[in-house]
Amino acid sequence: MSELELDPTLLATLQTLEAQNVEFVLVGDIAEAIYNNGGFVSGVAIVPGSYSRNVDRLCNALIELEAELGIAGRRDERPLDLRRADLRVLAPCSFMTSRADIDLDFEPHGTRGYRDLFDDASNVRLAQGVNPLVA
């Protein structure tokens, strides 16, 4: 599959996740756009691995991305300290970041989560150093 031209904010978000070694599978609109070689994508939807070290890495990535609970410019007023949060309890949820919004779900309906999606996902090169698993 050739490189798909994505919005730089989406790529920067994915680069941050990968730089923090977060294990995740891309799903939703972004996965559809990747497989259909285009389409409108406003954010990143991921299913991360739910083991503790990966959740910690995800929290670090969200801190780096200056993430806040909320979506489409509407902040969620619940207090959240990402250094102490267990995202597995909070999910499914959405974060607004300094780059692109992130939709997060550890176990989307009809799946058993990351391990289930991992089996059928493919690594797709989106840019230099950005090779996420895509469901």
N, C-alpha and C. Protein backbone atom coordinates (compact mmCIF):
# COMPACT_ATOMS: atom_id res chain seq x y z
N MET A 1 0.86 -1.18 0.00
CA MET A 1 0.00 0.00 0.00
C MET A 1 0.90 1.23 0.00
N SER A 2 0.62 2.20 -0.85
CA SER A 2 1.43 3.41 -0.91
C SER A 2 1.08 4.34 0.25
N GLU A 3 1.99 5.30 0.50
CA GLU A 3 1.75 6.24 1.58
C GLU A 3 0.51 7.09 1.28
N LEU A 4 -0.36 7.21 2.25
CA LEU A 4 -1.55 8.04 2.15
C LEU A 4 -1.23 9.39 2.74
N GLU A 5 -1.63 10.44 2.09
CA GLU A 5 -1.38 11.78 2.62
C GLU A 5 -2.44 12.10 3.67
N LEU A 6 -2.02 12.19 4.93
CA LEU A 6 -2.91 12.52 6.03
C LEU A 6 -2.59 13.91 6.55
N ASP A 7 -3.59 14.51 7.20
CA ASP A 7 -3.40 15.79 7.84
C ASP A 7 -2.18 15.71 8.76
N PRO A 8 -1.30 16.70 8.74
CA PRO A 8 -0.11 16.67 9.59
C PRO A 8 -0.42 16.52 11.08
N THR A 9 -1.56 17.03 11.54
CA THR A 9 -1.89 16.89 12.96
C THR A 9 -2.21 15.44 13.31
N LEU A 10 -2.83 14.72 12.38
CA LEU A 10 -3.10 13.30 12.60
C LEU A 10 -1.79 12.52 12.64
N LEU A 11 -0.91 12.81 11.70
CA LEU A 11 0.38 12.13 11.67
C LEU A 11 1.19 12.43 12.93
N ALA A 12 1.18 13.68 13.37
CA ALA A 12 1.91 14.07 14.58
C ALA A 12 1.37 13.33 15.81
N THR A 13 0.07 13.15 15.86
CA THR A 13 -0.55 12.41 16.96
C THR A 13 -0.08 10.97 16.94
N LEU A 14 -0.11 10.35 15.78
CA LEU A 14 0.34 8.96 15.65
C LEU A 14 1.84 8.84 15.94
N GLN A 15 2.62 9.82 15.51
CA GLN A 15 4.06 9.80 15.80
C GLN A 15 4.31 9.84 17.30
N THR A 16 3.54 10.64 18.02
CA THR A 16 3.70 10.73 19.47
C THR A 16 3.36 9.40 20.13
N LEU A 17 2.26 8.78 19.71
CA LEU A 17 1.89 7.47 20.26
C LEU A 17 2.98 6.44 19.99
N GLU A 18 3.50 6.43 18.78
CA GLU A 18 4.54 5.46 18.45
C GLU A 18 5.85 5.77 19.15
N ALA A 19 6.19 7.05 19.31
CA ALA A 19 7.42 7.43 20.01
C ALA A 19 7.38 6.98 21.48
N GLN A 20 6.19 6.93 22.05
CA GLN A 20 6.03 6.46 23.43
C GLN A 20 5.86 4.95 23.51
N ASN A 21 5.97 4.27 22.35
CA ASN A 21 5.85 2.81 22.26
C ASN A 21 4.49 2.29 22.73
N VAL A 22 3.45 3.06 22.47
CA VAL A 22 2.10 2.61 22.79
C VAL A 22 1.68 1.55 21.77
N GLU A 23 1.22 0.41 22.26
CA GLU A 23 0.69 -0.62 21.37
C GLU A 23 -0.80 -0.37 21.18
N PHE A 24 -1.20 -0.17 19.92
CA PHE A 24 -2.60 0.14 19.61
C PHE A 24 -2.92 -0.29 18.20
N VAL A 25 -4.22 -0.38 17.94
CA VAL A 25 -4.73 -0.64 16.59
C VAL A 25 -5.61 0.54 16.23
N LEU A 26 -5.40 1.08 15.03
CA LEU A 26 -6.27 2.15 14.52
C LEU A 26 -7.58 1.55 14.05
N VAL A 27 -8.68 2.21 14.37
CA VAL A 27 -10.01 1.76 13.97
C VAL A 27 -10.81 2.97 13.50
N GLY A 28 -12.04 2.75 13.10
CA GLY A 28 -12.96 3.84 12.79
C GLY A 28 -12.65 4.55 11.49
N ASP A 29 -12.96 5.86 11.47
CA ASP A 29 -12.84 6.66 10.24
C ASP A 29 -11.43 6.66 9.68
N ILE A 30 -10.43 6.74 10.56
CA ILE A 30 -9.06 6.80 10.06
C ILE A 30 -8.67 5.48 9.40
N ALA A 31 -9.08 4.36 9.98
CA ALA A 31 -8.78 3.06 9.37
C ALA A 31 -9.49 2.94 8.02
N GLU A 32 -10.73 3.38 7.97
CA GLU A 32 -11.47 3.34 6.71
C GLU A 32 -10.81 4.21 5.64
N ALA A 33 -10.37 5.41 6.03
CA ALA A 33 -9.71 6.31 5.08
C ALA A 33 -8.41 5.69 4.57
N ILE A 34 -7.68 5.03 5.44
CA ILE A 34 -6.42 4.41 5.03
C ILE A 34 -6.67 3.32 4.00
N TYR A 35 -7.65 2.46 4.27
CA TYR A 35 -7.92 1.37 3.33
C TYR A 35 -8.61 1.83 2.05
N ASN A 36 -9.30 2.97 2.11
CA ASN A 36 -9.97 3.49 0.92
C ASN A 36 -9.16 4.57 0.23
N ASN A 37 -7.91 4.77 0.65
CA ASN A 37 -7.00 5.77 0.08
C ASN A 37 -7.57 7.18 0.11
N GLY A 38 -8.27 7.52 1.19
CA GLY A 38 -8.73 8.89 1.36
C GLY A 38 -10.07 8.97 2.04
N GLY A 39 -10.41 10.18 2.40
CA GLY A 39 -11.66 10.44 3.10
C GLY A 39 -11.44 11.47 4.18
N PHE A 40 -12.51 12.02 4.68
CA PHE A 40 -12.42 13.04 5.73
C PHE A 40 -12.22 12.37 7.08
N VAL A 41 -11.18 12.77 7.77
CA VAL A 41 -10.87 12.23 9.09
C VAL A 41 -10.58 13.40 10.02
N SER A 42 -11.32 13.46 11.12
CA SER A 42 -11.14 14.58 12.04
C SER A 42 -10.36 14.21 13.29
N GLY A 43 -10.13 12.91 13.50
CA GLY A 43 -9.42 12.48 14.69
C GLY A 43 -8.91 11.07 14.53
N VAL A 44 -8.34 10.57 15.60
CA VAL A 44 -7.73 9.26 15.62
C VAL A 44 -8.52 8.38 16.59
N ALA A 45 -8.94 7.21 16.15
CA ALA A 45 -9.62 6.25 17.02
C ALA A 45 -8.69 5.07 17.22
N ILE A 46 -8.43 4.74 18.49
CA ILE A 46 -7.50 3.65 18.77
C ILE A 46 -8.08 2.67 19.79
N VAL A 47 -7.60 1.43 19.65
CA VAL A 47 -7.84 0.38 20.64
C VAL A 47 -6.46 -0.01 21.14
N PRO A 48 -6.09 0.46 22.33
CA PRO A 48 -4.76 0.13 22.87
C PRO A 48 -4.76 -1.20 23.60
N GLY A 49 -3.57 -1.77 23.72
CA GLY A 49 -3.39 -2.92 24.59
C GLY A 49 -3.70 -2.50 26.01
N SER A 50 -4.34 -3.38 26.77
CA SER A 50 -4.83 -2.98 28.10
C SER A 50 -3.90 -3.36 29.25
N TYR A 51 -2.72 -3.88 28.96
CA TYR A 51 -1.83 -4.23 30.06
C TYR A 51 -1.22 -2.95 30.65
N SER A 52 -0.89 -3.00 31.92
CA SER A 52 -0.54 -1.80 32.71
C SER A 52 0.57 -0.96 32.10
N ARG A 53 1.66 -1.58 31.68
CA ARG A 53 2.78 -0.79 31.14
C ARG A 53 2.36 -0.03 29.88
N ASN A 54 1.53 -0.64 29.05
CA ASN A 54 1.06 0.05 27.85
C ASN A 54 0.13 1.21 28.20
N VAL A 55 -0.72 1.02 29.19
CA VAL A 55 -1.61 2.10 29.64
C VAL A 55 -0.78 3.26 30.19
N ASP A 56 0.29 2.95 30.91
CA ASP A 56 1.19 4.00 31.40
C ASP A 56 1.83 4.76 30.24
N ARG A 57 2.26 4.04 29.22
CA ARG A 57 2.86 4.70 28.03
C ARG A 57 1.82 5.56 27.32
N LEU A 58 0.58 5.07 27.25
CA LEU A 58 -0.50 5.86 26.65
C LEU A 58 -0.73 7.14 27.44
N CYS A 59 -0.74 7.04 28.76
CA CYS A 59 -0.90 8.25 29.60
C CYS A 59 0.24 9.23 29.33
N ASN A 60 1.47 8.74 29.21
CA ASN A 60 2.60 9.62 28.91
C ASN A 60 2.43 10.30 27.57
N ALA A 61 1.95 9.57 26.58
CA ALA A 61 1.70 10.17 25.27
C ALA A 61 0.62 11.24 25.36
N LEU A 62 -0.44 10.96 26.10
CA LEU A 62 -1.52 11.94 26.26
C LEU A 62 -1.02 13.19 26.98
N ILE A 63 -0.15 13.01 27.97
CA ILE A 63 0.44 14.17 28.65
C ILE A 63 1.26 14.99 27.66
N GLU A 64 2.08 14.32 26.85
CA GLU A 64 2.88 15.01 25.84
C GLU A 64 1.99 15.76 24.84
N LEU A 65 0.84 15.19 24.54
CA LEU A 65 -0.10 15.81 23.60
C LEU A 65 -1.00 16.85 24.27
N GLU A 66 -0.77 17.11 25.56
CA GLU A 66 -1.57 18.09 26.32
C GLU A 66 -3.05 17.75 26.25
N ALA A 67 -3.37 16.48 26.44
CA ALA A 67 -4.73 15.99 26.28
C ALA A 67 -5.63 16.39 27.44
N GLU A 68 -6.88 16.66 27.08
CA GLU A 68 -7.95 16.92 28.04
C GLU A 68 -9.15 16.08 27.62
N LEU A 69 -9.88 15.59 28.60
CA LEU A 69 -11.12 14.88 28.28
C LEU A 69 -12.06 15.81 27.54
N GLY A 70 -12.67 15.32 26.50
CA GLY A 70 -13.62 16.13 25.73
C GLY A 70 -13.50 15.81 24.25
N ILE A 71 -14.36 16.42 23.48
CA ILE A 71 -14.34 16.17 22.04
C ILE A 71 -14.90 17.38 21.30
N ALA A 72 -14.36 17.61 20.12
CA ALA A 72 -14.82 18.68 19.22
C ALA A 72 -14.91 20.03 19.92
N GLY A 73 -13.89 20.33 20.71
CA GLY A 73 -13.85 21.63 21.36
C GLY A 73 -14.68 21.75 22.63
N ARG A 74 -15.36 20.70 23.02
CA ARG A 74 -16.18 20.73 24.24
C ARG A 74 -15.46 19.94 25.33
N ARG A 75 -14.97 20.66 26.31
CA ARG A 75 -14.21 20.06 27.40
C ARG A 75 -15.13 19.34 28.38
N ASP A 76 -14.70 18.16 28.82
CA ASP A 76 -15.39 17.42 29.86
C ASP A 76 -14.91 17.98 31.19
N GLU A 77 -15.82 18.33 32.06
CA GLU A 77 -15.47 18.99 33.31
C GLU A 77 -14.97 18.06 34.41
N ARG A 78 -15.03 16.74 34.19
CA ARG A 78 -14.53 15.82 35.21
C ARG A 78 -13.03 16.03 35.38
N PRO A 79 -12.56 16.11 36.63
CA PRO A 79 -11.12 16.27 36.85
C PRO A 79 -10.38 14.99 36.46
N LEU A 80 -9.21 15.16 35.86
CA LEU A 80 -8.44 14.00 35.44
C LEU A 80 -6.96 14.31 35.55
N ASP A 81 -6.24 13.51 36.32
CA ASP A 81 -4.80 13.59 36.41
C ASP A 81 -4.24 12.39 35.65
N LEU A 82 -3.72 12.63 34.47
CA LEU A 82 -3.24 11.53 33.62
C LEU A 82 -2.07 10.77 34.23
N ARG A 83 -1.38 11.37 35.19
CA ARG A 83 -0.27 10.66 35.84
C ARG A 83 -0.79 9.58 36.77
N ARG A 84 -2.06 9.69 37.18
CA ARG A 84 -2.63 8.72 38.13
C ARG A 84 -3.87 7.99 37.58
N ALA A 85 -4.29 8.35 36.40
CA ALA A 85 -5.55 7.83 35.86
C ALA A 85 -5.40 6.39 35.39
N ASP A 86 -6.45 5.61 35.57
CA ASP A 86 -6.53 4.29 34.95
C ASP A 86 -7.50 4.42 33.79
N LEU A 87 -6.95 4.59 32.61
CA LEU A 87 -7.77 4.81 31.42
C LEU A 87 -8.70 3.64 31.13
N ARG A 88 -8.36 2.46 31.62
CA ARG A 88 -9.21 1.29 31.40
C ARG A 88 -10.57 1.45 32.08
N VAL A 89 -10.60 2.18 33.20
CA VAL A 89 -11.84 2.45 33.92
C VAL A 89 -12.61 3.58 33.24
N LEU A 90 -11.89 4.55 32.71
CA LEU A 90 -12.49 5.73 32.09
C LEU A 90 -13.07 5.46 30.70
N ALA A 91 -12.44 4.57 29.95
CA ALA A 91 -12.82 4.32 28.56
C ALA A 91 -14.18 3.61 28.48
N PRO A 92 -14.89 3.78 27.38
CA PRO A 92 -14.51 4.57 26.21
C PRO A 92 -14.62 6.06 26.50
N CYS A 93 -13.70 6.80 25.91
CA CYS A 93 -13.67 8.25 26.13
C CYS A 93 -12.96 8.92 24.95
N SER A 94 -13.01 10.23 24.95
CA SER A 94 -12.36 11.02 23.90
C SER A 94 -11.51 12.09 24.54
N PHE A 95 -10.40 12.39 23.89
CA PHE A 95 -9.49 13.42 24.35
C PHE A 95 -9.28 14.46 23.26
N MET A 96 -9.28 15.71 23.66
CA MET A 96 -8.83 16.79 22.79
C MET A 96 -7.35 16.97 23.09
N THR A 97 -6.54 17.08 22.05
CA THR A 97 -5.11 17.23 22.27
C THR A 97 -4.60 18.47 21.53
N SER A 98 -3.33 18.75 21.70
CA SER A 98 -2.72 19.88 21.01
C SER A 98 -2.61 19.61 19.51
N ARG A 99 -2.89 18.38 19.12
CA ARG A 99 -2.84 18.02 17.70
C ARG A 99 -4.22 17.56 17.24
N ALA A 100 -4.48 16.27 17.28
CA ALA A 100 -5.78 15.74 16.83
C ALA A 100 -6.51 15.09 18.00
N ASP A 101 -7.84 15.09 17.93
CA ASP A 101 -8.64 14.40 18.94
C ASP A 101 -8.35 12.90 18.87
N ILE A 102 -8.45 12.25 20.04
CA ILE A 102 -8.24 10.81 20.12
C ILE A 102 -9.45 10.18 20.78
N ASP A 103 -10.07 9.24 20.07
CA ASP A 103 -11.12 8.40 20.64
C ASP A 103 -10.45 7.13 21.12
N LEU A 104 -10.76 6.74 22.36
CA LEU A 104 -10.08 5.64 23.01
C LEU A 104 -11.10 4.63 23.52
N ASP A 105 -10.92 3.38 23.14
CA ASP A 105 -11.79 2.31 23.63
C ASP A 105 -10.95 1.05 23.75
N PHE A 106 -10.93 0.45 24.91
CA PHE A 106 -10.15 -0.77 25.12
C PHE A 106 -10.87 -2.01 24.62
N GLU A 107 -12.19 -1.95 24.51
CA GLU A 107 -12.93 -3.12 24.06
C GLU A 107 -14.16 -2.68 23.26
N PRO A 108 -13.95 -2.30 21.99
CA PRO A 108 -15.09 -1.87 21.17
C PRO A 108 -16.13 -2.98 21.05
N HIS A 109 -17.37 -2.59 20.89
CA HIS A 109 -18.48 -3.53 20.76
C HIS A 109 -18.16 -4.56 19.68
N GLY A 110 -18.40 -5.80 19.98
CA GLY A 110 -18.17 -6.87 19.01
C GLY A 110 -16.74 -7.40 18.99
N THR A 111 -15.89 -6.89 19.88
CA THR A 111 -14.51 -7.38 19.95
C THR A 111 -14.15 -7.68 21.40
N ARG A 112 -13.01 -8.33 21.56
CA ARG A 112 -12.45 -8.54 22.89
C ARG A 112 -11.27 -7.60 23.10
N GLY A 113 -11.18 -6.57 22.27
CA GLY A 113 -10.14 -5.57 22.44
C GLY A 113 -8.93 -5.76 21.55
N TYR A 114 -7.81 -5.22 21.99
CA TYR A 114 -6.58 -5.15 21.21
C TYR A 114 -6.16 -6.51 20.65
N ARG A 115 -6.07 -7.53 21.49
CA ARG A 115 -5.61 -8.84 21.04
C ARG A 115 -6.50 -9.39 19.93
N ASP A 116 -7.79 -9.16 20.04
CA ASP A 116 -8.74 -9.63 19.03
C ASP A 116 -8.49 -8.90 17.70
N LEU A 117 -8.32 -7.59 17.75
CA LEU A 117 -8.10 -6.80 16.54
C LEU A 117 -6.70 -7.00 15.97
N PHE A 118 -5.73 -7.22 16.85
CA PHE A 118 -4.34 -7.40 16.44
C PHE A 118 -4.21 -8.53 15.42
N ASP A 119 -4.93 -9.60 15.63
CA ASP A 119 -4.83 -10.77 14.76
C ASP A 119 -5.15 -10.47 13.31
N ASP A 120 -6.06 -9.54 13.05
CA ASP A 120 -6.47 -9.24 11.69
C ASP A 120 -5.98 -7.90 11.18
N ALA A 121 -5.20 -7.18 11.99
CA ALA A 121 -4.72 -5.85 11.60
C ALA A 121 -3.45 -5.97 10.76
N SER A 122 -3.19 -4.91 10.00
CA SER A 122 -1.99 -4.85 9.16
C SER A 122 -1.19 -3.61 9.51
N ASN A 123 0.14 -3.75 9.49
CA ASN A 123 0.98 -2.56 9.62
C ASN A 123 0.91 -1.79 8.32
N VAL A 124 0.66 -0.49 8.41
CA VAL A 124 0.58 0.35 7.24
C VAL A 124 1.52 1.53 7.42
N ARG A 125 2.39 1.72 6.44
CA ARG A 125 3.32 2.85 6.47
C ARG A 125 2.57 4.10 6.03
N LEU A 126 2.44 5.05 6.94
CA LEU A 126 1.75 6.30 6.64
C LEU A 126 2.72 7.43 6.36
N ALA A 127 3.89 7.36 6.96
CA ALA A 127 4.95 8.35 6.78
C ALA A 127 6.22 7.77 7.39
N GLN A 128 7.32 8.45 7.21
CA GLN A 128 8.58 8.01 7.82
C GLN A 128 8.38 7.85 9.33
N GLY A 129 8.59 6.64 9.83
CA GLY A 129 8.47 6.38 11.26
C GLY A 129 7.05 6.26 11.78
N VAL A 130 6.06 6.22 10.90
CA VAL A 130 4.67 6.06 11.32
C VAL A 130 4.11 4.85 10.61
N ASN A 131 4.07 3.72 11.34
CA ASN A 131 3.65 2.43 10.79
C ASN A 131 2.68 1.74 11.72
N PRO A 132 1.50 2.33 11.93
CA PRO A 132 0.57 1.75 12.91
C PRO A 132 -0.10 0.48 12.39
N LEU A 133 -0.60 -0.30 13.34
CA LEU A 133 -1.49 -1.41 13.01
C LEU A 133 -2.87 -0.83 12.69
N VAL A 134 -3.45 -1.28 11.61
CA VAL A 134 -4.76 -0.75 11.19
C VAL A 134 -5.73 -1.92 11.03
N ALA A 135 -6.87 -1.82 11.72
CA ALA A 135 -7.89 -2.87 11.65
C ALA A 135 -8.65 -2.77 10.35
